[in-house]
Amino acid sequence: METIEFEPGQEIIKEGEEAQYIYMLKSGKIKVQLGLYEFVISDNNPEVFGLEALVGEKYTETCTTVENSKLICCNSSEFMEIYGKTEVSKKALESFMRRTAKVLGWI
């Protein structure tokens, strides 16, 4: 697990790439694109993204920095060991499911 700094406009993950890491926003803003659905997450309401790494799938979202940002980066085993039985993992999964449901037109 490490903290990584990104400058504005840097792509963190890209839809279709093999998912290797899970990211948690510490500071800054990130634009998330999932199909035609696009939104910005910020350190005011931080989110976890890249959960596809938990199941060995390809990323379904593209995430790009909007401003200087710091993110915690970890692999799936680190995430599960530290956050697996906490509210962090529960909220991350709920948020991911909500984003996917919106794109599919379910909500």
PDB file of N, CA and C in Angstrom:
ATOM      1  N   MET A   1       0.861  -1.163   0.000  1.00  0.00           N
ATOM      2  CA  MET A   1       0.000   0.000   0.000  1.00  0.00           C
ATOM      3  C   MET A   1       0.908   1.226   0.000  1.00  0.00           C
ATOM      4  N   GLU A   2       0.566   2.173  -0.855  1.00  0.00           N
ATOM      5  CA  GLU A   2       1.349   3.398  -0.925  1.00  0.00           C
ATOM      6  C   GLU A   2       0.471   4.567  -1.337  1.00  0.00           C
ATOM      7  N   THR A   3       0.946   5.769  -1.053  1.00  0.00           N
ATOM      8  CA  THR A   3       0.270   6.983  -1.492  1.00  0.00           C
ATOM      9  C   THR A   3       0.981   7.479  -2.737  1.00  0.00           C
ATOM     10  N   ILE A   4       0.194   7.765  -3.769  1.00  0.00           N
ATOM     11  CA  ILE A   4       0.737   8.228  -5.044  1.00  0.00           C
ATOM     12  C   ILE A   4       0.139   9.596  -5.344  1.00  0.00           C
ATOM     13  N   GLU A   5       0.973  10.502  -5.866  1.00  0.00           N
ATOM     14  CA  GLU A   5       0.518  11.836  -6.240  1.00  0.00           C
ATOM     15  C   GLU A   5       0.363  11.917  -7.757  1.00  0.00           C
ATOM     16  N   PHE A   6      -0.713  12.565  -8.198  1.00  0.00           N
ATOM     17  CA  PHE A   6      -1.009  12.738  -9.618  1.00  0.00           C
ATOM     18  C   PHE A   6      -1.222  14.217  -9.910  1.00  0.00           C
ATOM     19  N   GLU A   7      -0.804  14.638 -11.092  1.00  0.00           N
ATOM     20  CA  GLU A   7      -1.033  15.996 -11.557  1.00  0.00           C
ATOM     21  C   GLU A   7      -2.343  16.037 -12.345  1.00  0.00           C
ATOM     22  N   PRO A   8      -2.896  17.246 -12.561  1.00  0.00           N
ATOM     23  CA  PRO A   8      -4.145  17.352 -13.318  1.00  0.00           C
ATOM     24  C   PRO A   8      -4.031  16.720 -14.710  1.00  0.00           C
ATOM     25  N   GLY A   9      -5.091  16.018 -15.109  1.00  0.00           N
ATOM     26  CA  GLY A   9      -5.139  15.426 -16.432  1.00  0.00           C
ATOM     27  C   GLY A   9      -4.519  14.043 -16.559  1.00  0.00           C
ATOM     28  N   GLN A  10      -3.992  13.498 -15.480  1.00  0.00           N
ATOM     29  CA  GLN A  10      -3.386  12.169 -15.545  1.00  0.00           C
ATOM     30  C   GLN A  10      -4.459  11.084 -15.422  1.00  0.00           C
ATOM     31  N   GLU A  11      -4.351  10.093 -16.272  1.00  0.00           N
ATOM     32  CA  GLU A  11      -5.267   8.961 -16.224  1.00  0.00           C
ATOM     33  C   GLU A  11      -4.765   7.967 -15.178  1.00  0.00           C
ATOM     34  N   ILE A  12      -5.653   7.574 -14.295  1.00  0.00           N
ATOM     35  CA  ILE A  12      -5.299   6.644 -13.219  1.00  0.00           C
ATOM     36  C   ILE A  12      -5.629   5.222 -13.635  1.00  0.00           C
ATOM     37  N   ILE A  13      -6.867   5.016 -14.076  1.00  0.00           N
ATOM     38  CA  ILE A  13      -7.263   3.725 -14.623  1.00  0.00           C
ATOM     39  C   ILE A  13      -8.037   3.972 -15.903  1.00  0.00           C
ATOM     40  N   LYS A  14      -8.057   2.967 -16.776  1.00  0.00           N
ATOM     41  CA  LYS A  14      -8.755   3.106 -18.052  1.00  0.00           C
ATOM     42  C   LYS A  14      -9.644   1.895 -18.287  1.00  0.00           C
ATOM     43  N   GLU A  15     -10.852   2.181 -18.694  1.00  0.00           N
ATOM     44  CA  GLU A  15     -11.803   1.120 -19.017  1.00  0.00           C
ATOM     45  C   GLU A  15     -11.165   0.117 -19.975  1.00  0.00           C
ATOM     46  N   GLY A  16     -11.301  -1.165 -19.651  1.00  0.00           N
ATOM     47  CA  GLY A  16     -10.788  -2.228 -20.505  1.00  0.00           C
ATOM     48  C   GLY A  16      -9.407  -2.736 -20.138  1.00  0.00           C
ATOM     49  N   GLU A  17      -8.669  -1.987 -19.308  1.00  0.00           N
ATOM     50  CA  GLU A  17      -7.348  -2.445 -18.879  1.00  0.00           C
ATOM     51  C   GLU A  17      -7.492  -3.459 -17.746  1.00  0.00           C
ATOM     52  N   GLU A  18      -6.515  -4.367 -17.652  1.00  0.00           N
ATOM     53  CA  GLU A  18      -6.506  -5.332 -16.556  1.00  0.00           C
ATOM     54  C   GLU A  18      -6.444  -4.586 -15.223  1.00  0.00           C
ATOM     55  N   ALA A  19      -7.327  -4.918 -14.330  1.00  0.00           N
ATOM     56  CA  ALA A  19      -7.372  -4.255 -13.021  1.00  0.00           C
ATOM     57  C   ALA A  19      -6.310  -4.861 -12.104  1.00  0.00           C
ATOM     58  N   GLN A  20      -5.403  -4.018 -11.650  1.00  0.00           N
ATOM     59  CA  GLN A  20      -4.341  -4.470 -10.756  1.00  0.00           C
ATOM     60  C   GLN A  20      -4.461  -3.863  -9.368  1.00  0.00           C
ATOM     61  N   TYR A  21      -4.968  -2.620  -9.303  1.00  0.00           N
ATOM     62  CA  TYR A  21      -4.966  -1.897  -8.041  1.00  0.00           C
ATOM     63  C   TYR A  21      -6.326  -1.295  -7.722  1.00  0.00           C
ATOM     64  N   ILE A  22      -6.524  -1.071  -6.442  1.00  0.00           N
ATOM     65  CA  ILE A  22      -7.694  -0.384  -5.925  1.00  0.00           C
ATOM     66  C   ILE A  22      -7.188   0.961  -5.408  1.00  0.00           C
ATOM     67  N   TYR A  23      -7.949   2.023  -5.643  1.00  0.00           N
ATOM     68  CA  TYR A  23      -7.523   3.363  -5.265  1.00  0.00           C
ATOM     69  C   TYR A  23      -8.526   4.002  -4.318  1.00  0.00           C
ATOM     70  N   MET A  24      -8.002   4.755  -3.357  1.00  0.00           N
ATOM     71  CA  MET A  24      -8.828   5.529  -2.436  1.00  0.00           C
ATOM     72  C   MET A  24      -8.320   6.962  -2.466  1.00  0.00           C
ATOM     73  N   LEU A  25      -9.225   7.900  -2.689  1.00  0.00           N
ATOM     74  CA  LEU A  25      -8.865   9.306  -2.798  1.00  0.00           C
ATOM     75  C   LEU A  25      -8.568   9.899  -1.424  1.00  0.00           C
ATOM     76  N   LYS A  26      -7.370  10.469  -1.275  1.00  0.00           N
ATOM     77  CA  LYS A  26      -7.005  11.178  -0.042  1.00  0.00           C
ATOM     78  C   LYS A  26      -7.244  12.672  -0.185  1.00  0.00           C
ATOM     79  N   SER A  27      -6.854  13.223  -1.339  1.00  0.00           N
ATOM     80  CA  SER A  27      -7.064  14.649  -1.593  1.00  0.00           C
ATOM     81  C   SER A  27      -7.132  14.884  -3.095  1.00  0.00           C
ATOM     82  N   GLY A  28      -7.845  15.941  -3.474  1.00  0.00           N
ATOM     83  CA  GLY A  28      -7.961  16.291  -4.880  1.00  0.00           C
ATOM     84  C   GLY A  28      -9.323  15.963  -5.453  1.00  0.00           C
ATOM     85  N   LYS A  29      -9.370  15.903  -6.799  1.00  0.00           N
ATOM     86  CA  LYS A  29     -10.610  15.599  -7.516  1.00  0.00           C
ATOM     87  C   LYS A  29     -10.300  14.657  -8.671  1.00  0.00           C
ATOM     88  N   ILE A  30     -11.228  13.721  -8.864  1.00  0.00           N
ATOM     89  CA  ILE A  30     -11.091  12.714  -9.909  1.00  0.00           C
ATOM     90  C   ILE A  30     -12.367  12.679 -10.743  1.00  0.00           C
ATOM     91  N   LYS A  31     -12.221  12.705 -12.075  1.00  0.00           N
ATOM     92  CA  LYS A  31     -13.367  12.535 -12.971  1.00  0.00           C
ATOM     93  C   LYS A  31     -13.488  11.043 -13.272  1.00  0.00           C
ATOM     94  N   VAL A  32     -14.679  10.512 -13.049  1.00  0.00           N
ATOM     95  CA  VAL A  32     -14.967   9.098 -13.297  1.00  0.00           C
ATOM     96  C   VAL A  32     -15.928   9.009 -14.469  1.00  0.00           C
ATOM     97  N   GLN A  33     -15.567   8.211 -15.474  1.00  0.00           N
ATOM     98  CA  GLN A  33     -16.421   7.989 -16.632  1.00  0.00           C
ATOM     99  C   GLN A  33     -16.758   6.503 -16.698  1.00  0.00           C
ATOM    100  N   LEU A  34     -18.048   6.241 -16.773  1.00  0.00           N
ATOM    101  CA  LEU A  34     -18.544   4.876 -16.902  1.00  0.00           C
ATOM    102  C   LEU A  34     -19.624   4.921 -17.962  1.00  0.00           C
ATOM    103  N   GLY A  35     -19.299   4.495 -19.163  1.00  0.00           N
ATOM    104  CA  GLY A  35     -20.223   4.640 -20.291  1.00  0.00           C
ATOM    105  C   GLY A  35     -20.462   6.112 -20.548  1.00  0.00           C
ATOM    106  N   LEU A  36     -21.719   6.492 -20.648  1.00  0.00           N
ATOM    107  CA  LEU A  36     -22.070   7.902 -20.854  1.00  0.00           C
ATOM    108  C   LEU A  36     -22.189   8.662 -19.544  1.00  0.00           C
ATOM    109  N   TYR A  37     -22.117   7.947 -18.446  1.00  0.00           N
ATOM    110  CA  TYR A  37     -22.252   8.525 -17.110  1.00  0.00           C
ATOM    111  C   TYR A  37     -20.899   9.078 -16.679  1.00  0.00           C
ATOM    112  N   GLU A  38     -20.882  10.343 -16.246  1.00  0.00           N
ATOM    113  CA  GLU A  38     -19.643  11.003 -15.826  1.00  0.00           C
ATOM    114  C   GLU A  38     -19.914  11.825 -14.575  1.00  0.00           C
ATOM    115  N   PHE A  39     -18.995  11.755 -13.620  1.00  0.00           N
ATOM    116  CA  PHE A  39     -19.126  12.552 -12.404  1.00  0.00           C
ATOM    117  C   PHE A  39     -17.739  12.777 -11.813  1.00  0.00           C
ATOM    118  N   VAL A  40     -17.683  13.684 -10.843  1.00  0.00           N
ATOM    119  CA  VAL A  40     -16.417  14.017 -10.193  1.00  0.00           C
ATOM    120  C   VAL A  40     -16.506  13.631  -8.727  1.00  0.00           C
ATOM    121  N   ILE A  41     -15.473  12.955  -8.249  1.00  0.00           N
ATOM    122  CA  ILE A  41     -15.364  12.681  -6.815  1.00  0.00           C
ATOM    123  C   ILE A  41     -14.289  13.589  -6.256  1.00  0.00           C
ATOM    124  N   SER A  42     -14.461  13.974  -5.009  1.00  0.00           N
ATOM    125  CA  SER A  42     -13.485  14.869  -4.377  1.00  0.00           C
ATOM    126  C   SER A  42     -13.207  14.411  -2.959  1.00  0.00           C
ATOM    127  N   ASP A  43     -12.234  15.053  -2.355  1.00  0.00           N
ATOM    128  CA  ASP A  43     -11.881  14.683  -0.986  1.00  0.00           C
ATOM    129  C   ASP A  43     -12.972  15.099   0.006  1.00  0.00           C
ATOM    130  N   ASN A  44     -13.958  15.884  -0.447  1.00  0.00           N
ATOM    131  CA  ASN A  44     -15.113  16.200   0.405  1.00  0.00           C
ATOM    132  C   ASN A  44     -16.001  14.978   0.593  1.00  0.00           C
ATOM    133  N   ASN A  45     -16.018  14.115  -0.418  1.00  0.00           N
ATOM    134  CA  ASN A  45     -16.813  12.894  -0.384  1.00  0.00           C
ATOM    135  C   ASN A  45     -16.006  11.792  -1.069  1.00  0.00           C
ATOM    136  N   PRO A  46     -14.920  11.358  -0.437  1.00  0.00           N
ATOM    137  CA  PRO A  46     -14.006  10.414  -1.099  1.00  0.00           C
ATOM    138  C   PRO A  46     -14.661   9.079  -1.409  1.00  0.00           C
ATOM    139  N   GLU A  47     -14.170   8.470  -2.456  1.00  0.00           N
ATOM    140  CA  GLU A  47     -14.685   7.182  -2.917  1.00  0.00           C
ATOM    141  C   GLU A  47     -13.516   6.239  -3.151  1.00  0.00           C
ATOM    142  N   VAL A  48     -13.861   4.982  -3.290  1.00  0.00           N
ATOM    143  CA  VAL A  48     -12.908   3.947  -3.660  1.00  0.00           C
ATOM    144  C   VAL A  48     -13.246   3.547  -5.084  1.00  0.00           C
ATOM    145  N   PHE A  49     -12.237   3.372  -5.930  1.00  0.00           N
ATOM    146  CA  PHE A  49     -12.506   2.908  -7.281  1.00  0.00           C
ATOM    147  C   PHE A  49     -11.444   1.899  -7.686  1.00  0.00           C
ATOM    148  N   GLY A  50     -11.754   1.137  -8.729  1.00  0.00           N
ATOM    149  CA  GLY A  50     -10.861   0.059  -9.153  1.00  0.00           C
ATOM    150  C   GLY A  50     -11.179  -1.264  -8.469  1.00  0.00           C
ATOM    151  N   LEU A  51     -12.409  -1.399  -7.979  1.00  0.00           N
ATOM    152  CA  LEU A  51     -12.786  -2.619  -7.254  1.00  0.00           C
ATOM    153  C   LEU A  51     -12.750  -3.871  -8.128  1.00  0.00           C
ATOM    154  N   GLU A  52     -12.680  -3.696  -9.434  1.00  0.00           N
ATOM    155  CA  GLU A  52     -12.580  -4.849 -10.320  1.00  0.00           C
ATOM    156  C   GLU A  52     -11.349  -5.697  -9.991  1.00  0.00           C
ATOM    157  N   ALA A  53     -10.343  -5.078  -9.395  1.00  0.00           N
ATOM    158  CA  ALA A  53      -9.132  -5.806  -9.004  1.00  0.00           C
ATOM    159  C   ALA A  53      -9.434  -6.896  -7.974  1.00  0.00           C
ATOM    160  N   LEU A  54     -10.518  -6.739  -7.241  1.00  0.00           N
ATOM    161  CA  LEU A  54     -10.884  -7.752  -6.240  1.00  0.00           C
ATOM    162  C   LEU A  54     -11.291  -9.075  -6.879  1.00  0.00           C
ATOM    163  N   VAL A  55     -11.788  -9.011  -8.094  1.00  0.00           N
ATOM    164  CA  VAL A  55     -12.267 -10.225  -8.753  1.00  0.00           C
ATOM    165  C   VAL A  55     -11.490 -10.552 -10.028  1.00  0.00           C
ATOM    166  N   GLY A  56     -10.375  -9.857 -10.241  1.00  0.00           N
ATOM    167  CA  GLY A  56      -9.521 -10.150 -11.381  1.00  0.00           C
ATOM    168  C   GLY A  56     -10.130  -9.820 -12.731  1.00  0.00           C
ATOM    169  N   GLU A  57     -10.960  -8.812 -12.776  1.00  0.00           N
ATOM    170  CA  GLU A  57     -11.603  -8.389 -14.030  1.00  0.00           C
ATOM    171  C   GLU A  57     -10.929  -7.131 -14.571  1.00  0.00           C
ATOM    172  N   LYS A  58     -11.337  -6.723 -15.763  1.00  0.00           N
ATOM    173  CA  LYS A  58     -10.831  -5.483 -16.348  1.00  0.00           C
ATOM    174  C   LYS A  58     -11.600  -4.307 -15.760  1.00  0.00           C
ATOM    175  N   TYR A  59     -10.931  -3.142 -15.714  1.00  0.00           N
ATOM    176  CA  TYR A  59     -11.588  -1.937 -15.219  1.00  0.00           C
ATOM    177  C   TYR A  59     -12.795  -1.599 -16.100  1.00  0.00           C
ATOM    178  N   THR A  60     -13.880  -1.179 -15.481  1.00  0.00           N
ATOM    179  CA  THR A  60     -15.075  -0.774 -16.214  1.00  0.00           C
ATOM    180  C   THR A  60     -15.209   0.743 -16.277  1.00  0.00           C
ATOM    181  N   GLU A  61     -14.358   1.460 -15.554  1.00  0.00           N
ATOM    182  CA  GLU A  61     -14.408   2.922 -15.505  1.00  0.00           C
ATOM    183  C   GLU A  61     -13.073   3.501 -15.965  1.00  0.00           C
ATOM    184  N   THR A  62     -13.122   4.728 -16.435  1.00  0.00           N
ATOM    185  CA  THR A  62     -11.904   5.495 -16.696  1.00  0.00           C
ATOM    186  C   THR A  62     -11.880   6.619 -15.679  1.00  0.00           C
ATOM    187  N   CYS A  63     -10.768   6.761 -14.970  1.00  0.00           N
ATOM    188  CA  CYS A  63     -10.637   7.785 -13.926  1.00  0.00           C
ATOM    189  C   CYS A  63      -9.429   8.660 -14.236  1.00  0.00           C
ATOM    190  N   THR A  64      -9.677   9.977 -14.273  1.00  0.00           N
ATOM    191  CA  THR A  64      -8.667  10.965 -14.627  1.00  0.00           C
ATOM    192  C   THR A  64      -8.666  12.071 -13.586  1.00  0.00           C
ATOM    193  N   THR A  65      -7.477  12.546 -13.226  1.00  0.00           N
ATOM    194  CA  THR A  65      -7.396  13.614 -12.228  1.00  0.00           C
ATOM    195  C   THR A  65      -7.881  14.936 -12.823  1.00  0.00           C
ATOM    196  N   VAL A  66      -8.582  15.711 -12.005  1.00  0.00           N
ATOM    197  CA  VAL A  66      -9.051  17.040 -12.379  1.00  0.00           C
ATOM    198  C   VAL A  66      -8.087  18.084 -11.835  1.00  0.00           C
ATOM    199  N   GLU A  67      -7.492  17.782 -10.702  1.00  0.00           N
ATOM    200  CA  GLU A  67      -6.517  18.671 -10.060  1.00  0.00           C
ATOM    201  C   GLU A  67      -5.472  17.802  -9.376  1.00  0.00           C
ATOM    202  N   ASN A  68      -4.453  18.435  -8.811  1.00  0.00           N
ATOM    203  CA  ASN A  68      -3.449  17.665  -8.076  1.00  0.00           C
ATOM    204  C   ASN A  68      -4.163  16.784  -7.060  1.00  0.00           C
ATOM    205  N   SER A  69      -3.818  15.514  -7.047  1.00  0.00           N
ATOM    206  CA  SER A  69      -4.530  14.558  -6.204  1.00  0.00           C
ATOM    207  C   SER A  69      -3.561  13.557  -5.580  1.00  0.00           C
ATOM    208  N   LYS A  70      -3.920  13.097  -4.391  1.00  0.00           N
ATOM    209  CA  LYS A  70      -3.185  12.041  -3.712  1.00  0.00           C
ATOM    210  C   LYS A  70      -4.132  10.868  -3.517  1.00  0.00           C
ATOM    211  N   LEU A  71      -3.649   9.687  -3.885  1.00  0.00           N
ATOM    212  CA  LEU A  71      -4.462   8.487  -3.770  1.00  0.00           C
ATOM    213  C   LEU A  71      -3.694   7.393  -3.050  1.00  0.00           C
ATOM    214  N   ILE A  72      -4.420   6.621  -2.276  1.00  0.00           N
ATOM    215  CA  ILE A  72      -3.859   5.412  -1.688  1.00  0.00           C
ATOM    216  C   ILE A  72      -4.074   4.314  -2.718  1.00  0.00           C
ATOM    217  N   CYS A  73      -3.023   3.586  -3.012  1.00  0.00           N
ATOM    218  CA  CYS A  73      -3.058   2.522  -3.999  1.00  0.00           C
ATOM    219  C   CYS A  73      -2.711   1.217  -3.296  1.00  0.00           C
ATOM    220  N   CYS A  74      -3.529   0.189  -3.503  1.00  0.00           N
ATOM    221  CA  CYS A  74      -3.221  -1.109  -2.904  1.00  0.00           C
ATOM    222  C   CYS A  74      -3.717  -2.231  -3.810  1.00  0.00           C
ATOM    223  N   ASN A  75      -3.144  -3.403  -3.624  1.00  0.00           N
ATOM    224  CA  ASN A  75      -3.628  -4.546  -4.393  1.00  0.00           C
ATOM    225  C   ASN A  75      -4.811  -5.166  -3.649  1.00  0.00           C
ATOM    226  N   SER A  76      -5.433  -6.150  -4.244  1.00  0.00           N
ATOM    227  CA  SER A  76      -6.656  -6.708  -3.669  1.00  0.00           C
ATOM    228  C   SER A  76      -6.436  -7.361  -2.311  1.00  0.00           C
ATOM    229  N   SER A  77      -5.318  -8.056  -2.134  1.00  0.00           N
ATOM    230  CA  SER A  77      -5.090  -8.710  -0.837  1.00  0.00           C
ATOM    231  C   SER A  77      -4.849  -7.687   0.269  1.00  0.00           C
ATOM    232  N   GLU A  78      -4.145  -6.598  -0.044  1.00  0.00           N
ATOM    233  CA  GLU A  78      -3.940  -5.536   0.951  1.00  0.00           C
ATOM    234  C   GLU A  78      -5.272  -4.903   1.321  1.00  0.00           C
ATOM    235  N   PHE A  79      -6.099  -4.617   0.308  1.00  0.00           N
ATOM    236  CA  PHE A  79      -7.394  -3.994   0.562  1.00  0.00           C
ATOM    237  C   PHE A  79      -8.245  -4.877   1.465  1.00  0.00           C
ATOM    238  N   MET A  80      -8.323  -6.158   1.143  1.00  0.00           N
ATOM    239  CA  MET A  80      -9.156  -7.070   1.936  1.00  0.00           C
ATOM    240  C   MET A  80      -8.610  -7.242   3.348  1.00  0.00           C
ATOM    241  N   GLU A  81      -7.300  -7.300   3.484  1.00  0.00           N
ATOM    242  CA  GLU A  81      -6.696  -7.463   4.805  1.00  0.00           C
ATOM    243  C   GLU A  81      -6.983  -6.271   5.705  1.00  0.00           C
ATOM    244  N   ILE A  82      -6.907  -5.077   5.142  1.00  0.00           N
ATOM    245  CA  ILE A  82      -7.059  -3.856   5.948  1.00  0.00           C
ATOM    246  C   ILE A  82      -8.521  -3.410   6.042  1.00  0.00           C
ATOM    247  N   TYR A  83      -9.248  -3.464   4.921  1.00  0.00           N
ATOM    248  CA  TYR A  83     -10.587  -2.878   4.873  1.00  0.00           C
ATOM    249  C   TYR A  83     -11.715  -3.897   4.687  1.00  0.00           C
ATOM    250  N   GLY A  84     -11.393  -5.147   4.472  1.00  0.00           N
ATOM    251  CA  GLY A  84     -12.379  -6.159   4.104  1.00  0.00           C
ATOM    252  C   GLY A  84     -13.593  -6.260   4.999  1.00  0.00           C
ATOM    253  N   LYS A  85     -13.432  -6.099   6.278  1.00  0.00           N
ATOM    254  CA  LYS A  85     -14.564  -6.240   7.200  1.00  0.00           C
ATOM    255  C   LYS A  85     -14.909  -4.911   7.868  1.00  0.00           C
ATOM    256  N   THR A  86     -14.725  -3.820   7.129  1.00  0.00           N
ATOM    257  CA  THR A  86     -15.000  -2.493   7.666  1.00  0.00           C
ATOM    258  C   THR A  86     -16.061  -1.792   6.822  1.00  0.00           C
ATOM    259  N   GLU A  87     -16.491  -0.645   7.298  1.00  0.00           N
ATOM    260  CA  GLU A  87     -17.445   0.179   6.558  1.00  0.00           C
ATOM    261  C   GLU A  87     -16.850   0.676   5.238  1.00  0.00           C
ATOM    262  N   VAL A  88     -15.525   0.799   5.169  1.00  0.00           N
ATOM    263  CA  VAL A  88     -14.892   1.279   3.940  1.00  0.00           C
ATOM    264  C   VAL A  88     -15.227   0.350   2.785  1.00  0.00           C
ATOM    265  N   SER A  89     -15.071  -0.946   2.983  1.00  0.00           N
ATOM    266  CA  SER A  89     -15.348  -1.884   1.888  1.00  0.00           C
ATOM    267  C   SER A  89     -16.843  -1.935   1.574  1.00  0.00           C
ATOM    268  N   LYS A  90     -17.677  -1.868   2.592  1.00  0.00           N
ATOM    269  CA  LYS A  90     -19.124  -1.888   2.377  1.00  0.00           C
ATOM    270  C   LYS A  90     -19.563  -0.674   1.560  1.00  0.00           C
ATOM    271  N   LYS A  91     -19.095   0.515   1.930  1.00  0.00           N
ATOM    272  CA  LYS A  91     -19.456   1.731   1.208  1.00  0.00           C
ATOM    273  C   LYS A  91     -18.884   1.729  -0.207  1.00  0.00           C
ATOM    274  N   ALA A  92     -17.669   1.191  -0.370  1.00  0.00           N
ATOM    275  CA  ALA A  92     -17.055   1.121  -1.696  1.00  0.00           C
ATOM    276  C   ALA A  92     -17.876   0.251  -2.625  1.00  0.00           C
ATOM    277  N   LEU A  93     -18.316  -0.891  -2.146  1.00  0.00           N
ATOM    278  CA  LEU A  93     -19.121  -1.795  -2.960  1.00  0.00           C
ATOM    279  C   LEU A  93     -20.482  -1.179  -3.281  1.00  0.00           C
ATOM    280  N   GLU A  94     -21.108  -0.548  -2.296  1.00  0.00           N
ATOM    281  CA  GLU A  94     -22.406   0.105  -2.530  1.00  0.00           C
ATOM    282  C   GLU A  94     -22.283   1.197  -3.586  1.00  0.00           C
ATOM    283  N   SER A  95     -21.230   2.001  -3.504  1.00  0.00           N
ATOM    284  CA  SER A  95     -21.026   3.088  -4.451  1.00  0.00           C
ATOM    285  C   SER A  95     -20.790   2.540  -5.857  1.00  0.00           C
ATOM    286  N   PHE A  96     -19.972   1.514  -5.968  1.00  0.00           N
ATOM    287  CA  PHE A  96     -19.693   0.902  -7.268  1.00  0.00           C
ATOM    288  C   PHE A  96     -20.979   0.333  -7.882  1.00  0.00           C
ATOM    289  N   MET A  97     -21.771  -0.338  -7.078  1.00  0.00           N
ATOM    290  CA  MET A  97     -23.021  -0.914  -7.558  1.00  0.00           C
ATOM    291  C   MET A  97     -23.999   0.184  -7.992  1.00  0.00           C
ATOM    292  N   ARG A  98     -24.053   1.279  -7.249  1.00  0.00           N
ATOM    293  CA  ARG A  98     -24.938   2.395  -7.584  1.00  0.00           C
ATOM    294  C   ARG A  98     -24.518   3.025  -8.921  1.00  0.00           C
ATOM    295  N   ARG A  99     -23.206   3.235  -9.114  1.00  0.00           N
ATOM    296  CA  ARG A  99     -22.721   3.803 -10.376  1.00  0.00           C
ATOM    297  C   ARG A  99     -23.080   2.890 -11.547  1.00  0.00           C
ATOM    298  N   THR A 100     -22.872   1.610 -11.381  1.00  0.00           N
ATOM    299  CA  THR A 100     -23.165   0.652 -12.445  1.00  0.00           C
ATOM    300  C   THR A 100     -24.663   0.613 -12.739  1.00  0.00           C
ATOM    301  N   ALA A 101     -25.493   0.629 -11.709  1.00  0.00           N
ATOM    302  CA  ALA A 101     -26.947   0.599 -11.890  1.00  0.00           C
ATOM    303  C   ALA A 101     -27.426   1.832 -12.652  1.00  0.00           C
ATOM    304  N   LYS A 102     -26.822   2.997 -12.392  1.00  0.00           N
ATOM    305  CA  LYS A 102     -27.201   4.222 -13.112  1.00  0.00           C
ATOM    306  C   LYS A 102     -26.884   4.099 -14.595  1.00  0.00           C
ATOM    307  N   VAL A 103     -25.706   3.575 -14.892  1.00  0.00           N
ATOM    308  CA  VAL A 103     -25.304   3.427 -16.292  1.00  0.00           C
ATOM    309  C   VAL A 103     -26.234   2.463 -17.019  1.00  0.00           C
ATOM    310  N   LEU A 104     -26.651   1.414 -16.339  1.00  0.00           N
ATOM    311  CA  LEU A 104     -27.533   0.422 -16.945  1.00  0.00           C
ATOM    312  C   LEU A 104     -28.988   0.878 -17.003  1.00  0.00           C
ATOM    313  N   GLY A 105     -29.275   2.053 -16.397  1.00  0.00           N
ATOM    314  CA  GLY A 105     -30.624   2.601 -16.409  1.00  0.00           C
ATOM    315  C   GLY A 105     -31.553   1.959 -15.403  1.00  0.00           C
ATOM    316  N   TRP A 106     -30.997   1.277 -14.443  1.00  0.00           N
ATOM    317  CA  TRP A 106     -31.814   0.613 -13.433  1.00  0.00           C
ATOM    318  C   TRP A 106     -32.325   1.586 -12.380  1.00  0.00           C
ATOM    319  N   ILE A 107     -31.596   2.696 -12.186  1.00  0.00           N
ATOM    320  CA  ILE A 107     -32.046   3.718 -11.235  1.00  0.00           C
ATOM    321  C   ILE A 107     -31.880   5.086 -11.844  1.00  0.00           C
TER     322      ILE A 107
END
